[in-house]
PDB file of N, CA and C in Angstrom:
ATOM      1  N   MET A   1      -7.376  26.574 -20.220  1.00  0.00           N
ATOM      2  CA  MET A   1      -7.557  25.296 -19.559  1.00  0.00           C
ATOM      3  C   MET A   1      -7.964  25.555 -18.098  1.00  0.00           C
ATOM      4  N   THR A   2      -8.992  24.866 -17.665  1.00  0.00           N
ATOM      5  CA  THR A   2      -9.437  25.017 -16.277  1.00  0.00           C
ATOM      6  C   THR A   2      -8.486  24.276 -15.342  1.00  0.00           C
ATOM      7  N   LYS A   3      -8.570  24.575 -14.073  1.00  0.00           N
ATOM      8  CA  LYS A   3      -7.768  23.866 -13.072  1.00  0.00           C
ATOM      9  C   LYS A   3      -8.095  22.375 -13.078  1.00  0.00           C
ATOM     10  N   GLU A   4      -9.374  22.071 -13.233  1.00  0.00           N
ATOM     11  CA  GLU A   4      -9.790  20.664 -13.273  1.00  0.00           C
ATOM     12  C   GLU A   4      -9.148  19.942 -14.456  1.00  0.00           C
ATOM     13  N   GLN A   5      -9.151  20.595 -15.611  1.00  0.00           N
ATOM     14  CA  GLN A   5      -8.547  20.000 -16.810  1.00  0.00           C
ATOM     15  C   GLN A   5      -7.041  19.832 -16.636  1.00  0.00           C
ATOM     16  N   GLU A   6      -6.395  20.833 -16.047  1.00  0.00           N
ATOM     17  CA  GLU A   6      -4.949  20.772 -15.826  1.00  0.00           C
ATOM     18  C   GLU A   6      -4.590  19.613 -14.896  1.00  0.00           C
ATOM     19  N   LEU A   7      -5.353  19.488 -13.844  1.00  0.00           N
ATOM     20  CA  LEU A   7      -5.106  18.419 -12.881  1.00  0.00           C
ATOM     21  C   LEU A   7      -5.333  17.043 -13.496  1.00  0.00           C
ATOM     22  N   MET A   8      -6.428  16.901 -14.217  1.00  0.00           N
ATOM     23  CA  MET A   8      -6.718  15.614 -14.852  1.00  0.00           C
ATOM     24  C   MET A   8      -5.700  15.291 -15.942  1.00  0.00           C
ATOM     25  N   GLN A   9      -5.259  16.303 -16.689  1.00  0.00           N
ATOM     26  CA  GLN A   9      -4.248  16.072 -17.710  1.00  0.00           C
ATOM     27  C   GLN A   9      -2.965  15.551 -17.059  1.00  0.00           C
ATOM     28  N   TYR A  10      -2.580  16.154 -15.958  1.00  0.00           N
ATOM     29  CA  TYR A  10      -1.392  15.704 -15.225  1.00  0.00           C
ATOM     30  C   TYR A  10      -1.552  14.243 -14.784  1.00  0.00           C
ATOM     31  N   LEU A  11      -2.675  13.929 -14.159  1.00  0.00           N
ATOM     32  CA  LEU A  11      -2.884  12.564 -13.672  1.00  0.00           C
ATOM     33  C   LEU A  11      -2.991  11.558 -14.819  1.00  0.00           C
ATOM     34  N   HIS A  12      -3.592  11.965 -15.921  1.00  0.00           N
ATOM     35  CA  HIS A  12      -3.642  11.078 -17.085  1.00  0.00           C
ATOM     36  C   HIS A  12      -2.231  10.795 -17.592  1.00  0.00           C
ATOM     37  N   ASN A  13      -1.417  11.837 -17.724  1.00  0.00           N
ATOM     38  CA  ASN A  13      -0.059  11.666 -18.240  1.00  0.00           C
ATOM     39  C   ASN A  13       0.820  10.837 -17.310  1.00  0.00           C
ATOM     40  N   LYS A  14       0.716  11.094 -16.021  1.00  0.00           N
ATOM     41  CA  LYS A  14       1.628  10.480 -15.058  1.00  0.00           C
ATOM     42  C   LYS A  14       1.157   9.136 -14.516  1.00  0.00           C
ATOM     43  N   VAL A  15      -0.161   8.962 -14.365  1.00  0.00           N
ATOM     44  CA  VAL A  15      -0.670   7.765 -13.681  1.00  0.00           C
ATOM     45  C   VAL A  15      -1.680   6.999 -14.523  1.00  0.00           C
ATOM     46  N   PHE A  16      -2.770   7.627 -14.893  1.00  0.00           N
ATOM     47  CA  PHE A  16      -3.892   6.905 -15.504  1.00  0.00           C
ATOM     48  C   PHE A  16      -3.552   6.271 -16.850  1.00  0.00           C
ATOM     49  N   ASP A  17      -3.030   7.064 -17.787  1.00  0.00           N
ATOM     50  CA  ASP A  17      -2.798   6.551 -19.140  1.00  0.00           C
ATOM     51  C   ASP A  17      -1.750   5.430 -19.200  1.00  0.00           C
ATOM     52  N   PRO A  18      -0.637   5.546 -18.442  1.00  0.00           N
ATOM     53  CA  PRO A  18       0.295   4.410 -18.461  1.00  0.00           C
ATOM     54  C   PRO A  18      -0.360   3.094 -18.015  1.00  0.00           C
ATOM     55  N   ILE A  19      -1.286   3.175 -17.097  1.00  0.00           N
ATOM     56  CA  ILE A  19      -1.993   1.971 -16.646  1.00  0.00           C
ATOM     57  C   ILE A  19      -2.981   1.528 -17.717  1.00  0.00           C
ATOM     58  N   LEU A  20      -3.792   2.461 -18.195  1.00  0.00           N
ATOM     59  CA  LEU A  20      -4.828   2.115 -19.170  1.00  0.00           C
ATOM     60  C   LEU A  20      -4.246   1.655 -20.504  1.00  0.00           C
ATOM     61  N   ASP A  21      -3.057   2.141 -20.843  1.00  0.00           N
ATOM     62  CA  ASP A  21      -2.413   1.764 -22.109  1.00  0.00           C
ATOM     63  C   ASP A  21      -1.565   0.496 -21.991  1.00  0.00           C
ATOM     64  N   SER A  22      -1.378   0.013 -20.773  1.00  0.00           N
ATOM     65  CA  SER A  22      -0.535  -1.159 -20.553  1.00  0.00           C
ATOM     66  C   SER A  22      -1.192  -2.424 -21.098  1.00  0.00           C
ATOM     67  N   LYS A  23      -0.419  -3.181 -21.828  1.00  0.00           N
ATOM     68  CA  LYS A  23      -0.921  -4.446 -22.371  1.00  0.00           C
ATOM     69  C   LYS A  23      -0.923  -5.548 -21.314  1.00  0.00           C
ATOM     70  N   LYS A  24      -0.064  -5.414 -20.301  1.00  0.00           N
ATOM     71  CA  LYS A  24       0.033  -6.449 -19.276  1.00  0.00           C
ATOM     72  C   LYS A  24      -0.876  -6.195 -18.067  1.00  0.00           C
ATOM     73  N   CYS A  25      -1.475  -5.034 -18.007  1.00  0.00           N
ATOM     74  CA  CYS A  25      -2.302  -4.671 -16.863  1.00  0.00           C
ATOM     75  C   CYS A  25      -3.621  -5.453 -16.870  1.00  0.00           C
ATOM     76  N   PRO A  26      -3.948  -6.095 -15.749  1.00  0.00           N
ATOM     77  CA  PRO A  26      -5.217  -6.839 -15.671  1.00  0.00           C
ATOM     78  C   PRO A  26      -6.437  -5.925 -15.821  1.00  0.00           C
ATOM     79  N   ALA A  27      -7.502  -6.466 -16.386  1.00  0.00           N
ATOM     80  CA  ALA A  27      -8.738  -5.708 -16.620  1.00  0.00           C
ATOM     81  C   ALA A  27      -9.306  -5.168 -15.311  1.00  0.00           C
ATOM     82  N   LYS A  28      -9.154  -5.895 -14.227  1.00  0.00           N
ATOM     83  CA  LYS A  28      -9.682  -5.452 -12.927  1.00  0.00           C
ATOM     84  C   LYS A  28      -9.019  -4.139 -12.490  1.00  0.00           C
ATOM     85  N   ILE A  29      -7.735  -4.024 -12.722  1.00  0.00           N
ATOM     86  CA  ILE A  29      -7.027  -2.792 -12.373  1.00  0.00           C
ATOM     87  C   ILE A  29      -7.472  -1.657 -13.288  1.00  0.00           C
ATOM     88  N   LYS A  30      -7.571  -1.930 -14.582  1.00  0.00           N
ATOM     89  CA  LYS A  30      -8.030  -0.891 -15.513  1.00  0.00           C
ATOM     90  C   LYS A  30      -9.432  -0.412 -15.144  1.00  0.00           C
ATOM     91  N   SER A  31     -10.271  -1.325 -14.717  1.00  0.00           N
ATOM     92  CA  SER A  31     -11.624  -0.964 -14.292  1.00  0.00           C
ATOM     93  C   SER A  31     -11.575  -0.031 -13.091  1.00  0.00           C
ATOM     94  N   GLY A  32     -10.701  -0.329 -12.143  1.00  0.00           N
ATOM     95  CA  GLY A  32     -10.545   0.532 -10.968  1.00  0.00           C
ATOM     96  C   GLY A  32     -10.047   1.918 -11.328  1.00  0.00           C
ATOM     97  N   VAL A  33      -9.130   1.976 -12.271  1.00  0.00           N
ATOM     98  CA  VAL A  33      -8.608   3.271 -12.725  1.00  0.00           C
ATOM     99  C   VAL A  33      -9.707   4.055 -13.432  1.00  0.00           C
ATOM    100  N   ASN A  34     -10.480   3.391 -14.285  1.00  0.00           N
ATOM    101  CA  ASN A  34     -11.588   4.079 -14.958  1.00  0.00           C
ATOM    102  C   ASN A  34     -12.609   4.599 -13.958  1.00  0.00           C
ATOM    103  N   LEU A  35     -12.841   3.860 -12.897  1.00  0.00           N
ATOM    104  CA  LEU A  35     -13.747   4.307 -11.836  1.00  0.00           C
ATOM    105  C   LEU A  35     -13.204   5.567 -11.161  1.00  0.00           C
ATOM    106  N   THR A  36     -11.911   5.560 -10.885  1.00  0.00           N
ATOM    107  CA  THR A  36     -11.271   6.734 -10.274  1.00  0.00           C
ATOM    108  C   THR A  36     -11.346   7.941 -11.200  1.00  0.00           C
ATOM    109  N   VAL A  37     -11.066   7.746 -12.473  1.00  0.00           N
ATOM    110  CA  VAL A  37     -11.135   8.833 -13.459  1.00  0.00           C
ATOM    111  C   VAL A  37     -12.554   9.411 -13.485  1.00  0.00           C
ATOM    112  N   GLY A  38     -13.551   8.544 -13.499  1.00  0.00           N
ATOM    113  CA  GLY A  38     -14.941   8.993 -13.512  1.00  0.00           C
ATOM    114  C   GLY A  38     -15.311   9.777 -12.273  1.00  0.00           C
ATOM    115  N   ARG A  39     -14.891   9.288 -11.135  1.00  0.00           N
ATOM    116  CA  ARG A  39     -15.190   9.995  -9.876  1.00  0.00           C
ATOM    117  C   ARG A  39     -14.512  11.350  -9.840  1.00  0.00           C
ATOM    118  N   MET A  40     -13.225  11.381 -10.175  1.00  0.00           N
ATOM    119  CA  MET A  40     -12.490  12.647 -10.116  1.00  0.00           C
ATOM    120  C   MET A  40     -13.013  13.642 -11.146  1.00  0.00           C
ATOM    121  N   GLY A  41     -13.467  13.153 -12.277  1.00  0.00           N
ATOM    122  CA  GLY A  41     -13.955  14.027 -13.335  1.00  0.00           C
ATOM    123  C   GLY A  41     -15.201  14.821 -12.970  1.00  0.00           C
ATOM    124  N   ARG A  42     -15.855  14.421 -11.899  1.00  0.00           N
ATOM    125  CA  ARG A  42     -17.061  15.132 -11.461  1.00  0.00           C
ATOM    126  C   ARG A  42     -16.774  16.122 -10.328  1.00  0.00           C
ATOM    127  N   LEU A  43     -15.506  16.279  -9.963  1.00  0.00           N
ATOM    128  CA  LEU A  43     -15.152  17.095  -8.810  1.00  0.00           C
ATOM    129  C   LEU A  43     -14.552  18.435  -9.212  1.00  0.00           C
ATOM    130  N   SER A  44     -14.607  19.376  -8.289  1.00  0.00           N
ATOM    131  CA  SER A  44     -13.899  20.644  -8.457  1.00  0.00           C
ATOM    132  C   SER A  44     -12.409  20.368  -8.258  1.00  0.00           C
ATOM    133  N   ALA A  45     -11.563  21.294  -8.663  1.00  0.00           N
ATOM    134  CA  ALA A  45     -10.118  21.124  -8.509  1.00  0.00           C
ATOM    135  C   ALA A  45      -9.760  20.900  -7.041  1.00  0.00           C
ATOM    136  N   GLU A  46     -10.360  21.664  -6.162  1.00  0.00           N
ATOM    137  CA  GLU A  46     -10.072  21.508  -4.726  1.00  0.00           C
ATOM    138  C   GLU A  46     -10.445  20.103  -4.239  1.00  0.00           C
ATOM    139  N   LYS A  47     -11.581  19.627  -4.668  1.00  0.00           N
ATOM    140  CA  LYS A  47     -12.024  18.279  -4.269  1.00  0.00           C
ATOM    141  C   LYS A  47     -11.152  17.196  -4.922  1.00  0.00           C
ATOM    142  N   MET A  48     -10.651  17.463  -6.140  1.00  0.00           N
ATOM    143  CA  MET A  48      -9.743  16.508  -6.777  1.00  0.00           C
ATOM    144  C   MET A  48      -8.463  16.356  -5.963  1.00  0.00           C
ATOM    145  N   VAL A  49      -7.934  17.476  -5.491  1.00  0.00           N
ATOM    146  CA  VAL A  49      -6.726  17.439  -4.668  1.00  0.00           C
ATOM    147  C   VAL A  49      -7.009  16.661  -3.389  1.00  0.00           C
ATOM    148  N   GLN A  50      -8.146  16.917  -2.764  1.00  0.00           N
ATOM    149  CA  GLN A  50      -8.520  16.170  -1.554  1.00  0.00           C
ATOM    150  C   GLN A  50      -8.663  14.683  -1.860  1.00  0.00           C
ATOM    151  N   TYR A  51      -9.261  14.353  -2.988  1.00  0.00           N
ATOM    152  CA  TYR A  51      -9.438  12.957  -3.390  1.00  0.00           C
ATOM    153  C   TYR A  51      -8.086  12.277  -3.543  1.00  0.00           C
ATOM    154  N   PHE A  52      -7.150  12.967  -4.198  1.00  0.00           N
ATOM    155  CA  PHE A  52      -5.808  12.412  -4.384  1.00  0.00           C
ATOM    156  C   PHE A  52      -5.209  12.034  -3.036  1.00  0.00           C
ATOM    157  N   TRP A  53      -5.242  12.968  -2.080  1.00  0.00           N
ATOM    158  CA  TRP A  53      -4.624  12.707  -0.777  1.00  0.00           C
ATOM    159  C   TRP A  53      -5.371  11.630  -0.006  1.00  0.00           C
ATOM    160  N   SER A  54      -6.678  11.595  -0.105  1.00  0.00           N
ATOM    161  CA  SER A  54      -7.419  10.548   0.614  1.00  0.00           C
ATOM    162  C   SER A  54      -7.188   9.186  -0.038  1.00  0.00           C
ATOM    163  N   ALA A  55      -6.881   9.186  -1.332  1.00  0.00           N
ATOM    164  CA  ALA A  55      -6.645   7.928  -2.042  1.00  0.00           C
ATOM    165  C   ALA A  55      -5.325   7.279  -1.630  1.00  0.00           C
ATOM    166  N   LEU A  56      -4.531   7.964  -0.862  1.00  0.00           N
ATOM    167  CA  LEU A  56      -3.292   7.385  -0.360  1.00  0.00           C
ATOM    168  C   LEU A  56      -3.498   6.667   0.968  1.00  0.00           C
ATOM    169  N   ALA A  57      -4.634   6.913   1.615  1.00  0.00           N
ATOM    170  CA  ALA A  57      -4.776   6.458   3.000  1.00  0.00           C
ATOM    171  C   ALA A  57      -5.912   5.479   3.282  1.00  0.00           C
ATOM    172  N   THR A  58      -6.885   5.384   2.396  1.00  0.00           N
ATOM    173  CA  THR A  58      -8.000   4.488   2.696  1.00  0.00           C
ATOM    174  C   THR A  58      -7.584   3.032   2.515  1.00  0.00           C
ATOM    175  N   GLU A  59      -8.272   2.155   3.181  1.00  0.00           N
ATOM    176  CA  GLU A  59      -7.972   0.727   3.097  1.00  0.00           C
ATOM    177  C   GLU A  59      -8.048   0.214   1.658  1.00  0.00           C
ATOM    178  N   ASN A  60      -9.112   0.597   0.937  1.00  0.00           N
ATOM    179  CA  ASN A  60      -9.258   0.180  -0.464  1.00  0.00           C
ATOM    180  C   ASN A  60      -8.115   0.706  -1.322  1.00  0.00           C
ATOM    181  N   ALA A  61      -7.743   1.972  -1.092  1.00  0.00           N
ATOM    182  CA  ALA A  61      -6.676   2.584  -1.881  1.00  0.00           C
ATOM    183  C   ALA A  61      -5.340   1.903  -1.618  1.00  0.00           C
ATOM    184  N   ILE A  62      -5.091   1.554  -0.388  1.00  0.00           N
ATOM    185  CA  ILE A  62      -3.832   0.883  -0.044  1.00  0.00           C
ATOM    186  C   ILE A  62      -3.757  -0.474  -0.726  1.00  0.00           C
ATOM    187  N   THR A  63      -4.854  -1.213  -0.685  1.00  0.00           N
ATOM    188  CA  THR A  63      -4.903  -2.523  -1.339  1.00  0.00           C
ATOM    189  C   THR A  63      -4.706  -2.376  -2.846  1.00  0.00           C
ATOM    190  N   PHE A  64      -5.402  -1.394  -3.447  1.00  0.00           N
ATOM    191  CA  PHE A  64      -5.288  -1.163  -4.894  1.00  0.00           C
ATOM    192  C   PHE A  64      -3.856  -0.774  -5.259  1.00  0.00           C
ATOM    193  N   SER A  65      -3.244   0.063  -4.434  1.00  0.00           N
ATOM    194  CA  SER A  65      -1.872   0.488  -4.664  1.00  0.00           C
ATOM    195  C   SER A  65      -0.918  -0.707  -4.654  1.00  0.00           C
ATOM    196  N   LYS A  66      -1.155  -1.640  -3.761  1.00  0.00           N
ATOM    197  CA  LYS A  66      -0.309  -2.838  -3.695  1.00  0.00           C
ATOM    198  C   LYS A  66      -0.435  -3.663  -4.973  1.00  0.00           C
ATOM    199  N   HIS A  67      -1.637  -3.736  -5.531  1.00  0.00           N
ATOM    200  CA  HIS A  67      -1.841  -4.444  -6.807  1.00  0.00           C
ATOM    201  C   HIS A  67      -1.080  -3.740  -7.938  1.00  0.00           C
ATOM    202  N   LEU A  68      -1.170  -2.414  -7.969  1.00  0.00           N
ATOM    203  CA  LEU A  68      -0.454  -1.655  -8.996  1.00  0.00           C
ATOM    204  C   LEU A  68       1.053  -1.880  -8.880  1.00  0.00           C
ATOM    205  N   LYS A  69       1.550  -1.817  -7.652  1.00  0.00           N
ATOM    206  CA  LYS A  69       2.982  -1.999  -7.428  1.00  0.00           C
ATOM    207  C   LYS A  69       3.429  -3.398  -7.872  1.00  0.00           C
ATOM    208  N   ALA A  70       2.627  -4.404  -7.557  1.00  0.00           N
ATOM    209  CA  ALA A  70       2.956  -5.781  -7.940  1.00  0.00           C
ATOM    210  C   ALA A  70       3.034  -5.935  -9.459  1.00  0.00           C
ATOM    211  N   GLU A  71       2.250  -5.124 -10.174  1.00  0.00           N
ATOM    212  CA  GLU A  71       2.252  -5.165 -11.640  1.00  0.00           C
ATOM    213  C   GLU A  71       3.313  -4.233 -12.241  1.00  0.00           C
ATOM    214  N   GLY A  72       4.028  -3.498 -11.382  1.00  0.00           N
ATOM    215  CA  GLY A  72       5.052  -2.568 -11.864  1.00  0.00           C
ATOM    216  C   GLY A  72       4.478  -1.314 -12.487  1.00  0.00           C
ATOM    217  N   LEU A  73       3.284  -0.928 -12.056  1.00  0.00           N
ATOM    218  CA  LEU A  73       2.594   0.235 -12.631  1.00  0.00           C
ATOM    219  C   LEU A  73       2.729   1.448 -11.721  1.00  0.00           C
ATOM    220  N   THR A  74       2.615   2.627 -12.305  1.00  0.00           N
ATOM    221  CA  THR A  74       2.713   3.882 -11.569  1.00  0.00           C
ATOM    222  C   THR A  74       1.508   4.053 -10.657  1.00  0.00           C
ATOM    223  N   ARG A  75       1.786   4.553  -9.458  1.00  0.00           N
ATOM    224  CA  ARG A  75       0.736   4.768  -8.457  1.00  0.00           C
ATOM    225  C   ARG A  75       0.732   6.236  -8.033  1.00  0.00           C
ATOM    226  N   PHE A  76      -0.325   6.658  -7.341  1.00  0.00           N
ATOM    227  CA  PHE A  76      -0.368   8.012  -6.794  1.00  0.00           C
ATOM    228  C   PHE A  76       0.866   8.258  -5.923  1.00  0.00           C
ATOM    229  N   GLU A  77       1.286   7.251  -5.166  1.00  0.00           N
ATOM    230  CA  GLU A  77       2.452   7.391  -4.292  1.00  0.00           C
ATOM    231  C   GLU A  77       3.715   7.759  -5.072  1.00  0.00           C
ATOM    232  N   ASP A  78       3.797   7.302  -6.301  1.00  0.00           N
ATOM    233  CA  ASP A  78       4.981   7.550  -7.118  1.00  0.00           C
ATOM    234  C   ASP A  78       5.082   8.997  -7.605  1.00  0.00           C
ATOM    235  N   VAL A  79       3.984   9.704  -7.638  1.00  0.00           N
ATOM    236  CA  VAL A  79       3.989  11.105  -8.096  1.00  0.00           C
ATOM    237  C   VAL A  79       3.629  12.063  -6.966  1.00  0.00           C
ATOM    238  N   MET A  80       3.575  11.556  -5.757  1.00  0.00           N
ATOM    239  CA  MET A  80       3.107  12.325  -4.600  1.00  0.00           C
ATOM    240  C   MET A  80       3.879  13.638  -4.403  1.00  0.00           C
ATOM    241  N   GLU A  81       5.186  13.595  -4.424  1.00  0.00           N
ATOM    242  CA  GLU A  81       5.971  14.805  -4.173  1.00  0.00           C
ATOM    243  C   GLU A  81       5.771  15.847  -5.267  1.00  0.00           C
ATOM    244  N   GLU A  82       5.811  15.406  -6.508  1.00  0.00           N
ATOM    245  CA  GLU A  82       5.597  16.333  -7.622  1.00  0.00           C
ATOM    246  C   GLU A  82       4.179  16.903  -7.572  1.00  0.00           C
ATOM    247  N   PHE A  83       3.202  16.050  -7.271  1.00  0.00           N
ATOM    248  CA  PHE A  83       1.812  16.495  -7.152  1.00  0.00           C
ATOM    249  C   PHE A  83       1.683  17.557  -6.055  1.00  0.00           C
ATOM    250  N   ARG A  84       2.289  17.278  -4.905  1.00  0.00           N
ATOM    251  CA  ARG A  84       2.235  18.210  -3.774  1.00  0.00           C
ATOM    252  C   ARG A  84       2.824  19.563  -4.147  1.00  0.00           C
ATOM    253  N   ASP A  85       3.951  19.549  -4.854  1.00  0.00           N
ATOM    254  CA  ASP A  85       4.598  20.798  -5.237  1.00  0.00           C
ATOM    255  C   ASP A  85       3.800  21.566  -6.282  1.00  0.00           C
ATOM    256  N   LYS A  86       3.157  20.859  -7.177  1.00  0.00           N
ATOM    257  CA  LYS A  86       2.433  21.500  -8.287  1.00  0.00           C
ATOM    258  C   LYS A  86       1.025  21.941  -7.891  1.00  0.00           C
ATOM    259  N   PHE A  87       0.284  21.076  -7.207  1.00  0.00           N
ATOM    260  CA  PHE A  87      -1.131  21.337  -6.923  1.00  0.00           C
ATOM    261  C   PHE A  87      -1.340  21.653  -5.446  1.00  0.00           C
ATOM    262  N   ASN A  88      -0.688  22.722  -5.022  1.00  0.00           N
ATOM    263  CA  ASN A  88      -0.764  23.141  -3.627  1.00  0.00           C
ATOM    264  C   ASN A  88      -1.812  24.232  -3.436  1.00  0.00           C
ATOM    265  N   ASP A  89      -1.900  24.760  -2.231  1.00  0.00           N
ATOM    266  CA  ASP A  89      -2.904  25.779  -1.925  1.00  0.00           C
ATOM    267  C   ASP A  89      -2.759  27.029  -2.781  1.00  0.00           C
ATOM    268  N   SER A  90      -1.508  27.451  -3.032  1.00  0.00           N
ATOM    269  CA  SER A  90      -1.352  28.665  -3.857  1.00  0.00           C
ATOM    270  C   SER A  90      -1.818  28.422  -5.282  1.00  0.00           C
ATOM    271  N   TRP A  91      -1.614  27.214  -5.826  1.00  0.00           N
ATOM    272  CA  TRP A  91      -2.123  26.884  -7.159  1.00  0.00           C
ATOM    273  C   TRP A  91      -3.649  26.935  -7.158  1.00  0.00           C
ATOM    274  N   LEU A  92      -4.271  26.424  -6.114  1.00  0.00           N
ATOM    275  CA  LEU A  92      -5.734  26.435  -6.034  1.00  0.00           C
ATOM    276  C   LEU A  92      -6.287  27.860  -5.961  1.00  0.00           C
ATOM    277  N   ARG A  93      -5.552  28.767  -5.322  1.00  0.00           N
ATOM    278  CA  ARG A  93      -6.023  30.151  -5.155  1.00  0.00           C
ATOM    279  C   ARG A  93      -5.791  31.007  -6.383  1.00  0.00           C
ATOM    280  N   LYS A  94      -4.957  30.586  -7.328  1.00  0.00           N
ATOM    281  CA  LYS A  94      -4.665  31.389  -8.532  1.00  0.00           C
ATOM    282  C   LYS A  94      -5.907  31.616  -9.349  1.00  0.00           C
TER     283      LYS A  94
END
């Protein structure tokens, strides 16, 4: 498994799939998640990690996160510590 696959598998399990599989999740949110999956899927592992961290700070990401939270859905913020511990610089250098 490549680093990119490992990272995407983690994000699918922890964040993306719970949202995409949710019956109560609005289509607009699912569309945003699919857009994120598509964007990240074209990146190197290093760029995926950068994308994750930038997705916590941009105005659009903050607004999207608030929508997810209002729906009771998992957000990048909810897995931030585990992500940081797992996908750090030493993992990227392996």
